[in-house]
Protein backbone atom coordinates (compact mmCIF):
# COMPACT_ATOMS: atom_id res chain seq x y z
CA MET A 1 0.07 0.04 -0.01
CA ILE A 2 1.23 3.48 -1.08
CA LYS A 3 1.25 6.11 1.77
CA LYS A 4 -0.65 9.30 0.81
CA THR A 5 1.75 12.26 0.66
CA GLU A 6 0.24 15.38 2.23
CA ILE A 7 3.22 17.75 2.39
CA VAL A 8 6.51 17.77 0.31
CA GLU A 9 9.42 19.73 1.66
CA VAL A 10 11.27 21.61 -1.10
CA PHE A 11 15.01 22.10 -0.89
CA LEU A 12 17.72 23.75 -3.09
CA ASN A 13 20.93 21.98 -2.17
CA ASP A 14 20.83 21.96 1.53
CA THR A 15 18.65 25.02 1.83
CA ARG A 16 14.87 24.68 2.68
CA VAL A 17 12.94 26.61 0.04
CA GLY A 18 9.44 25.85 1.35
CA LYS A 19 6.67 23.28 1.05
CA LEU A 20 4.07 21.94 -1.34
CA ALA A 21 0.76 20.78 -0.08
CA LEU A 22 -2.69 19.91 -1.45
CA THR A 23 -5.49 22.29 -0.47
CA PRO A 24 -8.92 20.83 0.49
CA ASP A 25 -10.07 21.37 -3.03
CA HIS A 26 -7.15 19.39 -4.39
CA LEU A 27 -5.08 22.24 -5.79
CA CYS A 28 -1.29 22.26 -5.35
CA ALA A 29 -0.12 25.18 -3.08
CA PHE A 30 3.33 26.37 -2.37
CA GLU A 31 4.51 28.28 0.84
CA TYR A 32 8.07 29.79 0.82
CA ASP A 33 10.10 29.14 3.90
CA PHE A 34 10.43 32.52 5.85
CA ALA A 35 14.21 32.36 6.01
CA PHE A 36 14.52 31.63 2.27
CA LEU A 37 12.16 34.44 1.37
CA GLN A 38 14.29 36.95 3.43
CA SER A 39 17.32 36.07 1.16
CA PHE A 40 15.28 37.96 -1.63
CA ASN A 41 14.74 41.06 0.55
CA GLY A 42 11.23 39.62 1.45
CA ILE A 43 9.87 39.55 -2.02
CA PHE A 44 9.21 36.39 -3.96
CA GLY A 45 12.17 35.40 -6.16
CA VAL A 46 10.40 35.73 -9.45
CA PHE A 47 9.74 39.38 -8.69
CA ASN A 48 13.15 40.00 -7.08
CA ASP A 49 14.80 38.72 -10.33
CA SER A 50 13.02 41.54 -12.28
CA LEU A 51 14.78 44.13 -10.09
CA PRO A 52 18.07 45.70 -11.29
CA ASP A 53 21.27 43.90 -10.19
CA GLY A 54 24.02 45.67 -8.15
CA TRP A 55 25.03 48.04 -11.03
CA GLY A 56 21.36 48.89 -11.78
CA MET A 57 20.68 49.53 -8.01
CA LEU A 58 23.65 51.95 -7.88
CA LEU A 59 22.42 53.90 -10.91
CA THR A 60 18.92 53.95 -9.49
CA ASP A 61 20.29 55.20 -6.17
CA ARG A 62 22.12 57.89 -7.93
CA LEU A 63 19.12 59.01 -9.82
CA LEU A 64 17.01 59.03 -6.58
CA ILE A 65 19.66 61.26 -4.85
CA LYS A 66 19.67 63.61 -7.84
CA LYS A 67 15.79 63.84 -7.43
CA GLN A 68 16.38 64.48 -3.70
CA ILE A 69 14.82 61.14 -2.67
CA ASN A 70 16.59 59.05 0.02
CA PRO A 71 17.35 55.55 -1.48
CA ALA A 72 17.18 54.05 2.09
CA GLN A 73 13.53 55.08 2.21
CA PHE A 74 12.70 53.82 -1.28
CA THR A 75 11.21 50.37 -0.56
CA THR A 76 11.44 47.21 -2.65
CA LEU A 77 8.00 47.83 -3.92
CA ASP A 78 8.80 51.40 -4.83
CA ARG A 79 11.83 50.03 -6.80
CA TRP A 80 9.65 47.44 -8.49
CA GLY A 81 7.08 49.96 -9.35
CA ALA A 82 9.72 52.46 -10.76
CA MET A 83 10.74 49.79 -13.17
CA GLY A 84 7.52 50.21 -14.94
CA TRP A 85 6.04 46.89 -13.73
CA GLY A 86 3.90 48.43 -11.09
CA PRO A 87 1.03 51.02 -10.96
């Protein structure tokens, strides 16, 4: 007899990424592990990947400073929205 699987832990190498589980209506749901999500500045990887890399962040910060905006107060969502993907 095969044991029914209810939750599958997902790892990338030795790092826990999250878990997969079936919902009551038999849909597959994924939940990121909190620690893994923090490695992407608290935003899901697919969206974090659409943000500029280090060089792009430096150029963005320089533009913000030129416009008298403190880059430290420009949130991840602000940055994402500024890329033209947000509202």
